[in-house]
Amino acid sequence: MNSLKQKIIDKISSEGPISFETFMEMALYDPGLGYYAKESTVIGKAGDFYTSPHLHAIFGAMLGRQMEEMWLLMERPDCFQIVEMGAGMGYLAKDMLDYLKGKDIFDHLTYTIIELNPNIKARQQTLLADLRAKVTWTSGLNELGPVQGCFLSNELLDAFPVRLVEMDDEVNEVYVAHSGASGLAEVKRPCSSEIKDYFNAFSIRLEKGYKTEVNLRIKDWLREISSRLSEGFILTIDYGYSAQEYYSEERKRGTLLCYYRHQISDDPYQHIGEQDITAHVNFSSLKKWGEELGIAAIGFCPQGTYLVSLGIDEVIRERYGDAPDPFEMAKIKGLLFPQGMGESHSIMIQYKGGRQPVLRGFSVRNRVKRL
């Protein structure tokens, strides 16, 4: 038995069954032992999963183009701060900043990476060594002063610990108990009013036997960002749905998935601390909770549509002329096409401030009113 699993069992033995949210928090973030907190964590093709920045550098270039548009819409502030949360190995930061070199925004730009894992931070610093004049690191949002610019995350919210619930005669919350000499088992308890309020807020009615997730951490995350964002944007890239799509009949077993050496399973109780655990994002909650904080949702659409609308064809021509390499194009198509990340991942941008910005990336297709 690995040491993290034993630590979880010891906690259950002393405190009783723990919520799945607590289990997931320990499995992913327990200091030195959790999946994202241990020294050996590798994100990318050599690890358990990879994200859009690992597929092609043009993804970062396109987000750099988005930052430039935001800066212009804000009338070129002297300091435009990008804050990236969950920056992985640092590829997105590098590709964005490399694209923006030589452009007017670059001299007014600062880039802050929030990173808890010192080993990953060291790898980021190595990759970004020639950009150190632009990039700083902190370990939490609480270390930031007022921000004018953009908070950016790519596949961060899906790794927030979630409540796990199941509908019987009423909605019950799933807890994790110790079973036998070395096993873990799920037990159910009546859920809190907080979870009931969540389903009522989105007019969700679950059928008996329906099992799913509730991500309440997003609300606190938005509140913390809002307290630091004086004016600017929140750009969220992740896989997920509107509330109605998330809690539809076809997803009656939920969206919880685990990634271990590029293999997918739905069993979070194996390879504890060695596998990623994720759940899709309810983008309707981002919109609703953001609006309650005075943050307007101004755009939401699939990643492929967004990149095309933002002008990826123009950036391809800038880089490769009229005859791009077929191998490069095959990787770029993975960012755009439905069988790649073009439909599975969505882009949402929210805005806080006194303007009414209209962004090019949502000019072809904007689904924000469906949330």
Foldseek 3Di string as FASTA:
>chain_A
DDPLLVVVQVCCVVPNWAFQLVLLCSLAPVACQHQQHHLPHAEELVFQYHFLLNLDLVVLLLVLLVQVQQCVLVVNDQAAEEEEEPCHLQSSVVSSLVNCPPPPCNNRYAYEYAGQHVNSVVSNCVVCVVVVVRYDYDNDLVVDAAHEHEYEYAADQQSNRWWKWAAAVHIWTWTWHDDPDRDIDIDTDRDDVVVVVVCVVLVDDADHGQIEIGHPVLLVVLVSVLVRYPWYKYKYKFFADAPCVQRDPVQSPYFKWKTANNDIDRDCRPCRSRIGIGHHDHVNCVQVSNVVSQKHWQFKDFQQLLSVQSPSVVVQCVVANPDRDPVNVVSVVLRHDPVHRRHRMMIIMIIHDDDDDDDRSPPVDGCVVVD
